C-alpha cells in the first residue's frame, strides 16, 4: 500500500471525456522518507497536487482550443496533469513540471488511463534555476498566484524560461495577487488580457475567476 488512497473521476474537456486518478480527498498524506518535507511541502499542503481543482479544469478547457501550432509549451505546477494531457491529446510539444514527489507518477498514470504516451516531465522548483530546461513559446499554469511570494517566484520562472516572443496563460480563482503579477510581467514586456470566467457551476456574474493571457512580441488575443 502506498500510504494514501485514490479514486478515478471522469471529466469532459473540449467535448472529450478524460479519466483521471486523483487523491481520494484532501486528508491524504504520505511522506515516509521525508522527501516532501525536505522540499518544503507541509502535511497540510501535501494533498493539494492530487486534486481536480476548478482552475485546473478551466485551464484545460482553454488549452483544448488554444493555438498550439509550432509552440513549445511548459506547464508549471501541473499536479495531476489535466491541461498537459489535453495538450498531449492534441499533439502538442509540451513539458509538464511540478515539485511534488508524486506529480510525475500521477501524470504518467493519467496519460496511460487515456491511452496516451507519457507526457515529458521535469521536476522544477521555482526557487532554483534549471538552465537545461530551456525556453518556451507558451507557459501555462493554474492557481499559482495564491501568495505574494509565489507571485514573485512565478515571475522569475517566466523571466528565465519564456522566449523573447512568448505567451503566458494562467487561470486564477481570485486570489488577489494577479494585479501585482501583471505589473511584474509588464516590466518584462508582456501585454495582457483578462477574461472573467466562472470557476464552477455555482459562480454568478461578476465571476470571481480570471483567465489571464499575457503576450510579448505578438498581438495579444482572447483565448
Foldseek 3Di string as FASTA:
>chain_A
DQQFAWDWDWDDAPNDIFIAIFGPDQQGDDDPPCPCVVVVQDNNRQRVLRDDFLQLRVLLNCLLPDDQPPWAEEEESQRLNNNVLSCQVVVHNYEYEYQHPCNQVSQCVRNVRVVGHRHHYDYDDLVDDDCVVAATQEYEYEAQQQDPVSLVSVLSVCVRHYDQWHKYKYKHQQNPCVVVSQVSVVVVAKDKDKDQDASDPVADPVGRMIIIMITHPDDDDDD
